[in-house]
PDB file of N, CA and C in Angstrom:
ATOM      1  N   UNK A   1     186.198 130.868-164.672  1.00  0.00           N
ATOM      2  CA  UNK A   1     186.063 131.604-163.428  1.00  0.00           C
ATOM      3  C   UNK A   1     184.865 131.060-162.669  1.00  0.00           C
ATOM      4  N   UNK A   2     185.031 130.799-161.395  1.00  0.00           N
ATOM      5  CA  UNK A   2     183.981 130.215-160.569  1.00  0.00           C
ATOM      6  C   UNK A   2     182.930 131.254-160.208  1.00  0.00           C
ATOM      7  N   UNK A   3     181.710 130.767-160.058  1.00  0.00           N
ATOM      8  CA  UNK A   3     180.607 131.645-159.669  1.00  0.00           C
ATOM      9  C   UNK A   3     180.770 132.059-158.209  1.00  0.00           C
ATOM     10  N   UNK A   4     180.551 133.322-157.936  1.00  0.00           N
ATOM     11  CA  UNK A   4     180.685 133.836-156.573  1.00  0.00           C
ATOM     12  C   UNK A   4     179.448 133.443-155.776  1.00  0.00           C
ATOM     13  N   UNK A   5     179.654 132.910-154.598  1.00  0.00           N
ATOM     14  CA  UNK A   5     178.555 132.513-153.719  1.00  0.00           C
ATOM     15  C   UNK A   5     178.143 133.701-152.865  1.00  0.00           C
ATOM     16  N   UNK A   6     176.865 134.038-152.926  1.00  0.00           N
ATOM     17  CA  UNK A   6     176.399 135.193-152.170  1.00  0.00           C
ATOM     18  C   UNK A   6     175.613 134.802-150.928  1.00  0.00           C
ATOM     19  N   UNK A   7     175.222 133.528-150.837  1.00  0.00           N
ATOM     20  CA  UNK A   7     174.496 133.086-149.643  1.00  0.00           C
ATOM     21  C   UNK A   7     174.706 131.587-149.455  1.00  0.00           C
ATOM     22  N   UNK A   8     174.253 131.070-148.338  1.00  0.00           N
ATOM     23  CA  UNK A   8     174.382 129.639-148.075  1.00  0.00           C
ATOM     24  C   UNK A   8     173.509 128.816-149.007  1.00  0.00           C
ATOM     25  N   UNK A   9     172.430 129.404-149.532  1.00  0.00           N
ATOM     26  CA  UNK A   9     171.563 128.691-150.458  1.00  0.00           C
ATOM     27  C   UNK A   9     172.292 128.334-151.753  1.00  0.00           C
ATOM     28  N   UNK A  10     173.303 129.107-152.102  1.00  0.00           N
ATOM     29  CA  UNK A  10     174.069 128.842-153.314  1.00  0.00           C
ATOM     30  C   UNK A  10     174.897 127.566-153.203  1.00  0.00           C
ATOM     31  N   UNK A  11     175.058 127.045-151.997  1.00  0.00           N
ATOM     32  CA  UNK A  11     175.804 125.804-151.818  1.00  0.00           C
ATOM     33  C   UNK A  11     174.967 124.582-152.189  1.00  0.00           C
ATOM     34  N   UNK A  12     173.699 124.771-152.456  1.00  0.00           N
ATOM     35  CA  UNK A  12     172.861 123.663-152.883  1.00  0.00           C
ATOM     36  C   UNK A  12     172.173 122.943-151.747  1.00  0.00           C
ATOM     37  N   UNK A  13     172.070 123.536-150.597  1.00  0.00           N
ATOM     38  CA  UNK A  13     171.351 122.926-149.488  1.00  0.00           C
ATOM     39  C   UNK A  13     172.191 122.009-148.622  1.00  0.00           C
ATOM     40  N   UNK A  14     173.488 121.968-148.844  1.00  0.00           N
ATOM     41  CA  UNK A  14     174.337 121.125-148.017  1.00  0.00           C
ATOM     42  C   UNK A  14     174.634 121.812-146.693  1.00  0.00           C
ATOM     43  N   UNK A  15     174.708 121.015-145.633  1.00  0.00           N
ATOM     44  CA  UNK A  15     175.045 121.534-144.322  1.00  0.00           C
ATOM     45  C   UNK A  15     176.277 120.783-143.845  1.00  0.00           C
ATOM     46  N   UNK A  16     177.276 121.508-143.423  1.00  0.00           N
ATOM     47  CA  UNK A  16     178.495 120.909-142.934  1.00  0.00           C
ATOM     48  C   UNK A  16     178.607 121.194-141.441  1.00  0.00           C
ATOM     49  N   UNK A  17     179.034 120.188-140.701  1.00  0.00           N
ATOM     50  CA  UNK A  17     179.183 120.361-139.270  1.00  0.00           C
ATOM     51  C   UNK A  17     180.509 119.763-138.825  1.00  0.00           C
ATOM     52  N   UNK A  18     181.141 120.412-137.866  1.00  0.00           N
ATOM     53  CA  UNK A  18     182.363 119.873-137.284  1.00  0.00           C
ATOM     54  C   UNK A  18     182.059 119.090-136.021  1.00  0.00           C
ATOM     55  N   UNK A  19     180.801 119.043-135.626  1.00  0.00           N
ATOM     56  CA  UNK A  19     180.384 118.305-134.440  1.00  0.00           C
ATOM     57  C   UNK A  19     180.361 116.821-134.776  1.00  0.00           C
ATOM     58  N   UNK A  20     181.152 116.008-134.064  1.00  0.00           N
ATOM     59  CA  UNK A  20     181.225 114.584-134.373  1.00  0.00           C
ATOM     60  C   UNK A  20     179.944 113.843-133.971  1.00  0.00           C
ATOM     61  N   UNK A  21     179.098 114.427-133.112  1.00  0.00           N
ATOM     62  CA  UNK A  21     177.854 113.791-132.691  1.00  0.00           C
ATOM     63  C   UNK A  21     176.649 114.292-133.492  1.00  0.00           C
ATOM     64  N   UNK A  22     176.900 115.061-134.548  1.00  0.00           N
ATOM     65  CA  UNK A  22     175.812 115.629-135.351  1.00  0.00           C
ATOM     66  C   UNK A  22     175.053 114.531-136.080  1.00  0.00           C
ATOM     67  N   UNK A  23     173.721 114.591-136.005  1.00  0.00           N
ATOM     68  CA  UNK A  23     172.873 113.656-136.738  1.00  0.00           C
ATOM     69  C   UNK A  23     171.937 114.457-137.629  1.00  0.00           C
ATOM     70  N   UNK A  24     171.943 114.116-138.899  1.00  0.00           N
ATOM     71  CA  UNK A  24     171.102 114.809-139.861  1.00  0.00           C
ATOM     72  C   UNK A  24     169.667 114.338-139.711  1.00  0.00           C
ATOM     73  N   UNK A  25     168.750 115.292-139.543  1.00  0.00           N
ATOM     74  CA  UNK A  25     167.333 114.961-139.440  1.00  0.00           C
ATOM     75  C   UNK A  25     166.661 115.340-140.742  1.00  0.00           C
ATOM     76  N   UNK A  26     166.164 114.355-141.412  1.00  0.00           N
ATOM     77  CA  UNK A  26     165.514 114.578-142.693  1.00  0.00           C
ATOM     78  C   UNK A  26     164.090 115.060-142.473  1.00  0.00           C
ATOM     79  N   UNK A  27     163.673 116.040-143.285  1.00  0.00           N
ATOM     80  CA  UNK A  27     162.313 116.566-143.205  1.00  0.00           C
ATOM     81  C   UNK A  27     161.546 116.090-144.439  1.00  0.00           C
ATOM     82  N   UNK A  28     161.286 114.778-144.511  1.00  0.00           N
ATOM     83  CA  UNK A  28     160.637 114.187-145.676  1.00  0.00           C
ATOM     84  C   UNK A  28     159.130 114.039-145.490  1.00  0.00           C
ATOM     85  N   UNK A  29     158.549 114.826-144.616  1.00  0.00           N
ATOM     86  CA  UNK A  29     157.118 114.724-144.394  1.00  0.00           C
ATOM     87  C   UNK A  29     156.367 115.220-145.622  1.00  0.00           C
ATOM     88  N   UNK A  30     155.447 114.404-146.107  1.00  0.00           N
ATOM     89  CA  UNK A  30     154.618 114.781-147.239  1.00  0.00           C
ATOM     90  C   UNK A  30     153.470 115.649-146.738  1.00  0.00           C
ATOM     91  N   UNK A  31     153.220 116.720-147.444  1.00  0.00           N
ATOM     92  CA  UNK A  31     152.089 117.566-147.100  1.00  0.00           C
ATOM     93  C   UNK A  31     150.818 116.825-147.482  1.00  0.00           C
ATOM     94  N   UNK A  32     149.872 116.792-146.580  1.00  0.00           N
ATOM     95  CA  UNK A  32     148.634 116.074-146.826  1.00  0.00           C
ATOM     96  C   UNK A  32     147.721 116.915-147.715  1.00  0.00           C
ATOM     97  N   UNK A  33     147.109 116.272-148.703  1.00  0.00           N
ATOM     98  CA  UNK A  33     146.214 116.965-149.618  1.00  0.00           C
ATOM     99  C   UNK A  33     144.854 117.132-148.961  1.00  0.00           C
ATOM    100  N   UNK A  34     144.366 118.366-148.949  1.00  0.00           N
ATOM    101  CA  UNK A  34     143.056 118.613-148.355  1.00  0.00           C
ATOM    102  C   UNK A  34     141.971 118.273-149.371  1.00  0.00           C
ATOM    103  N   UNK A  35     140.741 117.991-148.922  1.00  0.00           N
ATOM    104  CA  UNK A  35     139.663 117.605-149.834  1.00  0.00           C
ATOM    105  C   UNK A  35     139.361 118.682-150.875  1.00  0.00           C
ATOM    106  N   UNK A  36     138.781 118.244-151.998  1.00  0.00           N
ATOM    107  CA  UNK A  36     138.492 119.153-153.111  1.00  0.00           C
ATOM    108  C   UNK A  36     137.622 120.325-152.689  1.00  0.00           C
ATOM    109  N   UNK A  37     136.602 120.075-151.863  1.00  0.00           N
ATOM    110  CA  UNK A  37     135.672 121.152-151.508  1.00  0.00           C
ATOM    111  C   UNK A  37     136.294 122.195-150.587  1.00  0.00           C
ATOM    112  N   UNK A  38     137.496 121.932-150.055  1.00  0.00           N
ATOM    113  CA  UNK A  38     138.187 122.912-149.212  1.00  0.00           C
ATOM    114  C   UNK A  38     139.316 123.623-149.955  1.00  0.00           C
ATOM    115  N   UNK A  39     139.600 123.199-151.173  1.00  0.00           N
ATOM    116  CA  UNK A  39     140.646 123.826-151.979  1.00  0.00           C
ATOM    117  C   UNK A  39     140.128 125.139-152.550  1.00  0.00           C
ATOM    118  N   UNK A  40     140.937 126.172-152.507  1.00  0.00           N
ATOM    119  CA  UNK A  40     140.593 127.476-153.095  1.00  0.00           C
ATOM    120  C   UNK A  40     141.632 127.780-154.167  1.00  0.00           C
ATOM    121  N   UNK A  41     141.269 127.506-155.415  1.00  0.00           N
ATOM    122  CA  UNK A  41     142.193 127.669-156.526  1.00  0.00           C
ATOM    123  C   UNK A  41     141.946 128.974-157.254  1.00  0.00           C
ATOM    124  N   UNK A  42     142.967 129.463-157.927  1.00  0.00           N
ATOM    125  CA  UNK A  42     142.872 130.673-158.751  1.00  0.00           C
ATOM    126  C   UNK A  42     143.281 130.320-160.170  1.00  0.00           C
ATOM    127  N   UNK A  43     142.480 130.775-161.139  1.00  0.00           N
ATOM    128  CA  UNK A  43     142.777 130.531-162.550  1.00  0.00           C
ATOM    129  C   UNK A  43     143.282 131.817-163.185  1.00  0.00           C
ATOM    130  N   UNK A  44     144.514 131.808-163.661  1.00  0.00           N
ATOM    131  CA  UNK A  44     145.162 132.974-164.257  1.00  0.00           C
ATOM    132  C   UNK A  44     145.459 132.711-165.729  1.00  0.00           C
ATOM    133  N   UNK A  45     145.558 133.799-166.504  1.00  0.00           N
ATOM    134  CA  UNK A  45     146.118 133.739-167.851  1.00  0.00           C
ATOM    135  C   UNK A  45     147.433 134.503-167.804  1.00  0.00           C
ATOM    136  N   UNK A  46     148.447 133.967-168.480  1.00  0.00           N
ATOM    137  CA  UNK A  46     149.762 134.576-168.389  1.00  0.00           C
ATOM    138  C   UNK A  46     150.463 134.524-169.741  1.00  0.00           C
ATOM    139  N   UNK A  47     151.174 135.613-170.100  1.00  0.00           N
ATOM    140  CA  UNK A  47     151.965 135.666-171.328  1.00  0.00           C
ATOM    141  C   UNK A  47     153.433 135.961-171.044  1.00  0.00           C
ATOM    142  N   UNK A  48     153.772 136.224-169.809  1.00  0.00           N
ATOM    143  CA  UNK A  48     155.129 136.645-169.478  1.00  0.00           C
ATOM    144  C   UNK A  48     156.126 135.505-169.671  1.00  0.00           C
ATOM    145  N   UNK A  49     157.255 135.841-170.245  1.00  0.00           N
ATOM    146  CA  UNK A  49     158.365 134.903-170.455  1.00  0.00           C
ATOM    147  C   UNK A  49     157.961 133.667-171.245  1.00  0.00           C
ATOM    148  N   UNK A  50     157.003 133.804-172.138  1.00  0.00           N
ATOM    149  CA  UNK A  50     156.558 132.672-172.939  1.00  0.00           C
ATOM    150  C   UNK A  50     156.562 133.004-174.432  1.00  0.00           C
ATOM    151  N   UNK A  51     157.294 133.992-174.821  1.00  0.00           N
ATOM    152  CA  UNK A  51     157.378 134.354-176.225  1.00  0.00           C
ATOM    153  C   UNK A  51     156.065 134.843-176.804  1.00  0.00           C
ATOM    154  N   UNK A  52     155.236 135.475-176.008  1.00  0.00           N
ATOM    155  CA  UNK A  52     153.953 135.993-176.469  1.00  0.00           C
ATOM    156  C   UNK A  52     152.838 134.979-176.472  1.00  0.00           C
ATOM    157  N   UNK A  53     153.124 133.730-176.130  1.00  0.00           N
ATOM    158  CA  UNK A  53     152.097 132.687-176.110  1.00  0.00           C
ATOM    159  C   UNK A  53     151.390 132.684-174.760  1.00  0.00           C
ATOM    160  N   UNK A  54     150.109 132.355-174.779  1.00  0.00           N
ATOM    161  CA  UNK A  54     149.287 132.387-173.573  1.00  0.00           C
ATOM    162  C   UNK A  54     149.355 131.039-172.858  1.00  0.00           C
ATOM    163  N   UNK A  55     149.352 131.079-171.543  1.00  0.00           N
ATOM    164  CA  UNK A  55     149.287 129.874-170.725  1.00  0.00           C
ATOM    165  C   UNK A  55     148.249 130.090-169.631  1.00  0.00           C
ATOM    166  N   UNK A  56     147.535 129.039-169.300  1.00  0.00           N
ATOM    167  CA  UNK A  56     146.582 129.064-168.193  1.00  0.00           C
ATOM    168  C   UNK A  56     147.303 128.521-166.974  1.00  0.00           C
ATOM    169  N   UNK A  57     147.260 129.260-165.877  1.00  0.00           N
ATOM    170  CA  UNK A  57     147.966 128.858-164.665  1.00  0.00           C
ATOM    171  C   UNK A  57     146.954 128.695-163.536  1.00  0.00           C
ATOM    172  N   UNK A  58     147.005 127.541-162.873  1.00  0.00           N
ATOM    173  CA  UNK A  58     146.152 127.263-161.723  1.00  0.00           C
ATOM    174  C   UNK A  58     147.031 127.334-160.481  1.00  0.00           C
ATOM    175  N   UNK A  59     146.699 128.255-159.575  1.00  0.00           N
ATOM    176  CA  UNK A  59     147.486 128.454-158.358  1.00  0.00           C
ATOM    177  C   UNK A  59     146.632 128.138-157.136  1.00  0.00           C
ATOM    178  N   UNK A  60     147.296 127.870-156.023  1.00  0.00           N
ATOM    179  CA  UNK A  60     146.610 127.705-154.747  1.00  0.00           C
ATOM    180  C   UNK A  60     146.361 126.271-154.340  1.00  0.00           C
ATOM    181  N   UNK A  61     146.870 125.287-155.085  1.00  0.00           N
ATOM    182  CA  UNK A  61     146.646 123.882-154.725  1.00  0.00           C
ATOM    183  C   UNK A  61     147.403 123.570-153.447  1.00  0.00           C
ATOM    184  N   UNK A  62     146.714 122.964-152.482  1.00  0.00           N
ATOM    185  CA  UNK A  62     147.342 122.587-151.218  1.00  0.00           C
ATOM    186  C   UNK A  62     147.355 121.074-151.122  1.00  0.00           C
ATOM    187  N   UNK A  63     148.546 120.516-151.217  1.00  0.00           N
ATOM    188  CA  UNK A  63     148.663 119.065-151.141  1.00  0.00           C
ATOM    189  C   UNK A  63     150.039 118.624-151.576  1.00  0.00           C
ATOM    190  N   UNK A  64     150.207 117.302-151.680  1.00  0.00           N
ATOM    191  CA  UNK A  64     151.522 116.782-152.042  1.00  0.00           C
ATOM    192  C   UNK A  64     151.728 116.839-153.549  1.00  0.00           C
ATOM    193  N   UNK A  65     152.961 116.652-153.967  1.00  0.00           N
ATOM    194  CA  UNK A  65     153.333 116.787-155.376  1.00  0.00           C
ATOM    195  C   UNK A  65     152.672 115.731-156.250  1.00  0.00           C
ATOM    196  N   UNK A  66     152.474 114.537-155.721  1.00  0.00           N
ATOM    197  CA  UNK A  66     151.864 113.481-156.527  1.00  0.00           C
ATOM    198  C   UNK A  66     150.422 113.833-156.905  1.00  0.00           C
ATOM    199  N   UNK A  67     149.673 114.381-155.962  1.00  0.00           N
ATOM    200  CA  UNK A  67     148.293 114.778-156.251  1.00  0.00           C
ATOM    201  C   UNK A  67     148.249 115.972-157.204  1.00  0.00           C
ATOM    202  N   UNK A  68     149.204 116.884-157.060  1.00  0.00           N
ATOM    203  CA  UNK A  68     149.293 118.032-157.972  1.00  0.00           C
ATOM    204  C   UNK A  68     149.562 117.551-159.394  1.00  0.00           C
ATOM    205  N   UNK A  69     150.492 116.613-159.546  1.00  0.00           N
ATOM    206  CA  UNK A  69     150.818 116.088-160.869  1.00  0.00           C
ATOM    207  C   UNK A  69     149.651 115.305-161.459  1.00  0.00           C
ATOM    208  N   UNK A  70     148.906 114.588-160.617  1.00  0.00           N
ATOM    209  CA  UNK A  70     147.744 113.834-161.102  1.00  0.00           C
ATOM    210  C   UNK A  70     146.666 114.787-161.628  1.00  0.00           C
ATOM    211  N   UNK A  71     146.421 115.878-160.902  1.00  0.00           N
ATOM    212  CA  UNK A  71     145.436 116.866-161.353  1.00  0.00           C
ATOM    213  C   UNK A  71     145.911 117.537-162.636  1.00  0.00           C
ATOM    214  N   UNK A  72     147.199 117.844-162.723  1.00  0.00           N
ATOM    215  CA  UNK A  72     147.750 118.455-163.933  1.00  0.00           C
ATOM    216  C   UNK A  72     147.570 117.528-165.126  1.00  0.00           C
ATOM    217  N   UNK A  73     147.773 116.237-164.928  1.00  0.00           N
ATOM    218  CA  UNK A  73     147.609 115.282-166.023  1.00  0.00           C
ATOM    219  C   UNK A  73     146.153 115.239-166.486  1.00  0.00           C
ATOM    220  N   UNK A  74     145.211 115.289-165.538  1.00  0.00           N
ATOM    221  CA  UNK A  74     143.789 115.319-165.906  1.00  0.00           C
ATOM    222  C   UNK A  74     143.475 116.556-166.751  1.00  0.00           C
ATOM    223  N   UNK A  75     143.998 117.701-166.334  1.00  0.00           N
ATOM    224  CA  UNK A  75     143.724 118.948-167.050  1.00  0.00           C
ATOM    225  C   UNK A  75     144.373 118.953-168.432  1.00  0.00           C
ATOM    226  N   UNK A  76     145.588 118.433-168.541  1.00  0.00           N
ATOM    227  CA  UNK A  76     146.260 118.374-169.838  1.00  0.00           C
ATOM    228  C   UNK A  76     145.512 117.444-170.788  1.00  0.00           C
ATOM    229  N   UNK A  77     145.018 116.329-170.259  1.00  0.00           N
ATOM    230  CA  UNK A  77     144.250 115.388-171.077  1.00  0.00           C
ATOM    231  C   UNK A  77     142.928 116.012-171.499  1.00  0.00           C
ATOM    232  N   UNK A  78     142.274 116.714-170.592  1.00  0.00           N
ATOM    233  CA  UNK A  78     141.003 117.384-170.892  1.00  0.00           C
ATOM    234  C   UNK A  78     141.164 118.375-172.039  1.00  0.00           C
ATOM    235  N   UNK A  79     142.233 119.143-172.004  1.00  0.00           N
ATOM    236  CA  UNK A  79     142.446 120.191-173.005  1.00  0.00           C
ATOM    237  C   UNK A  79     143.212 119.691-174.228  1.00  0.00           C
ATOM    238  N   UNK A  80     143.855 118.532-174.123  1.00  0.00           N
ATOM    239  CA  UNK A  80     144.610 117.997-175.244  1.00  0.00           C
ATOM    240  C   UNK A  80     145.864 118.783-175.560  1.00  0.00           C
ATOM    241  N   UNK A  81     146.492 119.330-174.530  1.00  0.00           N
ATOM    242  CA  UNK A  81     147.702 120.140-174.723  1.00  0.00           C
ATOM    243  C   UNK A  81     148.754 119.735-173.696  1.00  0.00           C
ATOM    244  N   UNK A  82     149.907 120.348-173.784  1.00  0.00           N
ATOM    245  CA  UNK A  82     150.987 120.101-172.842  1.00  0.00           C
ATOM    246  C   UNK A  82     150.917 121.049-171.664  1.00  0.00           C
ATOM    247  N   UNK A  83     151.799 120.826-170.734  1.00  0.00           N
ATOM    248  CA  UNK A  83     151.852 121.682-169.557  1.00  0.00           C
ATOM    249  C   UNK A  83     152.813 121.118-168.540  1.00  0.00           C
ATOM    250  N   UNK A  84     152.757 121.665-167.338  1.00  0.00           N
ATOM    251  CA  UNK A  84     153.662 121.236-166.274  1.00  0.00           C
ATOM    252  C   UNK A  84     153.030 121.486-164.923  1.00  0.00           C
ATOM    253  N   UNK A  85     153.544 120.781-163.932  1.00  0.00           N
ATOM    254  CA  UNK A  85     153.132 120.989-162.543  1.00  0.00           C
ATOM    255  C   UNK A  85     154.399 121.180-161.722  1.00  0.00           C
ATOM    256  N   UNK A  86     154.608 122.412-161.234  1.00  0.00           N
ATOM    257  CA  UNK A  86     155.793 122.666-160.422  1.00  0.00           C
ATOM    258  C   UNK A  86     155.541 123.846-159.499  1.00  0.00           C
ATOM    259  N   UNK A  87     156.223 123.869-158.401  1.00  0.00           N
ATOM    260  CA  UNK A  87     156.140 124.948-157.416  1.00  0.00           C
ATOM    261  C   UNK A  87     154.706 125.219-156.970  1.00  0.00           C
ATOM    262  N   UNK A  88     153.890 124.191-156.863  1.00  0.00           N
ATOM    263  CA  UNK A  88     152.509 124.354-156.406  1.00  0.00           C
ATOM    264  C   UNK A  88     151.580 124.963-157.439  1.00  0.00           C
ATOM    265  N   UNK A  89     152.014 125.034-158.692  1.00  0.00           N
ATOM    266  CA  UNK A  89     151.203 125.601-159.760  1.00  0.00           C
ATOM    267  C   UNK A  89     151.065 124.591-160.889  1.00  0.00           C
ATOM    268  N   UNK A  90     149.946 124.692-161.599  1.00  0.00           N
ATOM    269  CA  UNK A  90     149.732 123.888-162.794  1.00  0.00           C
ATOM    270  C   UNK A  90     149.722 124.854-163.970  1.00  0.00           C
ATOM    271  N   UNK A  91     150.582 124.600-164.943  1.00  0.00           N
ATOM    272  CA  UNK A  91     150.680 125.450-166.125  1.00  0.00           C
ATOM    273  C   UNK A  91     150.171 124.643-167.316  1.00  0.00           C
ATOM    274  N   UNK A  92     149.138 125.160-167.980  1.00  0.00           N
ATOM    275  CA  UNK A  92     148.555 124.518-169.152  1.00  0.00           C
ATOM    276  C   UNK A  92     148.797 125.436-170.348  1.00  0.00           C
ATOM    277  N   UNK A  93     149.325 124.893-171.431  1.00  0.00           N
ATOM    278  CA  UNK A  93     149.621 125.692-172.613  1.00  0.00           C
ATOM    279  C   UNK A  93     148.330 126.088-173.317  1.00  0.00           C
ATOM    280  N   UNK A  94     148.149 127.381-173.531  1.00  0.00           N
ATOM    281  CA  UNK A  94     146.980 127.887-174.248  1.00  0.00           C
ATOM    282  C   UNK A  94     145.949 128.509-173.317  1.00  0.00           C
ATOM    283  N   UNK A  95     144.930 129.106-173.929  1.00  0.00           N
ATOM    284  CA  UNK A  95     143.865 129.770-173.176  1.00  0.00           C
ATOM    285  C   UNK A  95     142.697 128.804-172.991  1.00  0.00           C
ATOM    286  N   UNK A  96     142.735 128.036-171.913  1.00  0.00           N
ATOM    287  CA  UNK A  96     141.688 127.073-171.586  1.00  0.00           C
ATOM    288  C   UNK A  96     141.093 127.361-170.215  1.00  0.00           C
ATOM    289  N   UNK A  97     141.149 128.613-169.790  1.00  0.00           N
ATOM    290  CA  UNK A  97     140.728 128.961-168.440  1.00  0.00           C
ATOM    291  C   UNK A  97     139.274 128.592-168.171  1.00  0.00           C
ATOM    292  N   UNK A  98     138.351 128.930-169.082  1.00  0.00           N
ATOM    293  CA  UNK A  98     136.935 128.647-168.852  1.00  0.00           C
ATOM    294  C   UNK A  98     136.663 127.146-168.801  1.00  0.00           C
ATOM    295  N   UNK A  99     137.271 126.407-169.698  1.00  0.00           N
ATOM    296  CA  UNK A  99     137.094 124.953-169.743  1.00  0.00           C
ATOM    297  C   UNK A  99     137.625 124.306-168.465  1.00  0.00           C
ATOM    298  N   UNK A 100     138.780 124.756-168.015  1.00  0.00           N
ATOM    299  CA  UNK A 100     139.384 124.215-166.797  1.00  0.00           C
ATOM    300  C   UNK A 100     138.555 124.589-165.574  1.00  0.00           C
ATOM    301  N   UNK A 101     138.064 125.832-165.532  1.00  0.00           N
ATOM    302  CA  UNK A 101     137.251 126.265-164.390  1.00  0.00           C
ATOM    303  C   UNK A 101     135.975 125.434-164.298  1.00  0.00           C
ATOM    304  N   UNK A 102     135.336 125.149-165.429  1.00  0.00           N
ATOM    305  CA  UNK A 102     134.129 124.315-165.422  1.00  0.00           C
ATOM    306  C   UNK A 102     134.433 122.920-164.892  1.00  0.00           C
ATOM    307  N   UNK A 103     135.539 122.333-165.366  1.00  0.00           N
ATOM    308  CA  UNK A 103     135.930 120.995-164.930  1.00  0.00           C
ATOM    309  C   UNK A 103     136.211 120.961-163.433  1.00  0.00           C
ATOM    310  N   UNK A 104     136.986 121.933-162.949  1.00  0.00           N
ATOM    311  CA  UNK A 104     137.349 121.954-161.532  1.00  0.00           C
ATOM    312  C   UNK A 104     136.123 122.178-160.648  1.00  0.00           C
ATOM    313  N   UNK A 105     135.195 123.002-161.101  1.00  0.00           N
ATOM    314  CA  UNK A 105     133.964 123.242-160.338  1.00  0.00           C
ATOM    315  C   UNK A 105     133.151 121.958-160.228  1.00  0.00           C
ATOM    316  N   UNK A 106     133.066 121.195-161.317  1.00  0.00           N
ATOM    317  CA  UNK A 106     132.342 119.923-161.296  1.00  0.00           C
ATOM    318  C   UNK A 106     133.016 118.910-160.380  1.00  0.00           C
ATOM    319  N   UNK A 107     134.337 119.006-160.236  1.00  0.00           N
ATOM    320  CA  UNK A 107     135.087 118.114-159.354  1.00  0.00           C
ATOM    321  C   UNK A 107     134.986 118.535-157.886  1.00  0.00           C
ATOM    322  N   UNK A 108     134.383 119.690-157.611  1.00  0.00           N
ATOM    323  CA  UNK A 108     134.177 120.127-156.239  1.00  0.00           C
ATOM    324  C   UNK A 108     135.139 121.186-155.749  1.00  0.00           C
ATOM    325  N   UNK A 109     136.054 121.646-156.590  1.00  0.00           N
ATOM    326  CA  UNK A 109     136.994 122.693-156.195  1.00  0.00           C
ATOM    327  C   UNK A 109     136.308 124.059-156.237  1.00  0.00           C
ATOM    328  N   UNK A 110     136.782 124.977-155.399  1.00  0.00           N
ATOM    329  CA  UNK A 110     136.341 126.371-155.456  1.00  0.00           C
ATOM    330  C   UNK A 110     137.361 127.115-156.304  1.00  0.00           C
ATOM    331  N   UNK A 111     136.898 127.616-157.460  1.00  0.00           N
ATOM    332  CA  UNK A 111     137.818 128.242-158.405  1.00  0.00           C
ATOM    333  C   UNK A 111     137.441 129.693-158.593  1.00  0.00           C
ATOM    334  N   UNK A 112     138.449 130.560-158.514  1.00  0.00           N
ATOM    335  CA  UNK A 112     138.238 132.002-158.679  1.00  0.00           C
ATOM    336  C   UNK A 112     138.963 132.447-159.931  1.00  0.00           C
ATOM    337  N   UNK A 113     138.295 133.218-160.791  1.00  0.00           N
ATOM    338  CA  UNK A 113     138.894 133.765-162.002  1.00  0.00           C
ATOM    339  C   UNK A 113     139.692 135.013-161.614  1.00  0.00           C
ATOM    340  N   UNK A 114     140.966 135.044-161.967  1.00  0.00           N
ATOM    341  CA  UNK A 114     141.827 136.164-161.612  1.00  0.00           C
ATOM    342  C   UNK A 114     142.363 136.806-162.884  1.00  0.00           C
ATOM    343  N   UNK A 115     142.205 138.120-162.984  1.00  0.00           N
ATOM    344  CA  UNK A 115     142.711 138.850-164.139  1.00  0.00           C
ATOM    345  C   UNK A 115     141.807 138.711-165.344  1.00  0.00           C
ATOM    346  N   UNK A 116     141.931 139.652-166.294  1.00  0.00           N
ATOM    347  CA  UNK A 116     141.238 139.711-167.568  1.00  0.00           C
ATOM    348  C   UNK A 116     140.082 138.878-167.694  1.00  0.00           C
TER     349      UNK A 116
END
């Protein structure tokens, strides 16, 4: 049985047009990464949907995906653990919030401790 589509987003982002003069305009503009001293990051601890395991989440990064992934790789290497960078967030496995906050502060980021 096929999945019922409830909105146009369920089509996967495709746009169909019957206009023979239609030209698709791609929006491939990369968001420019702002300097470290202007970034306002938040450091969270999270256990939800992780089987009771703790993860450190860094939110608020403003920039392109390549710079986000590069920062995530630095943090994962610093802590010696795994993680991911997606949806503008960096997820680091384990409770490394203080260590990450110290590192980011030394790099020039403004980091705010959020929660517990």
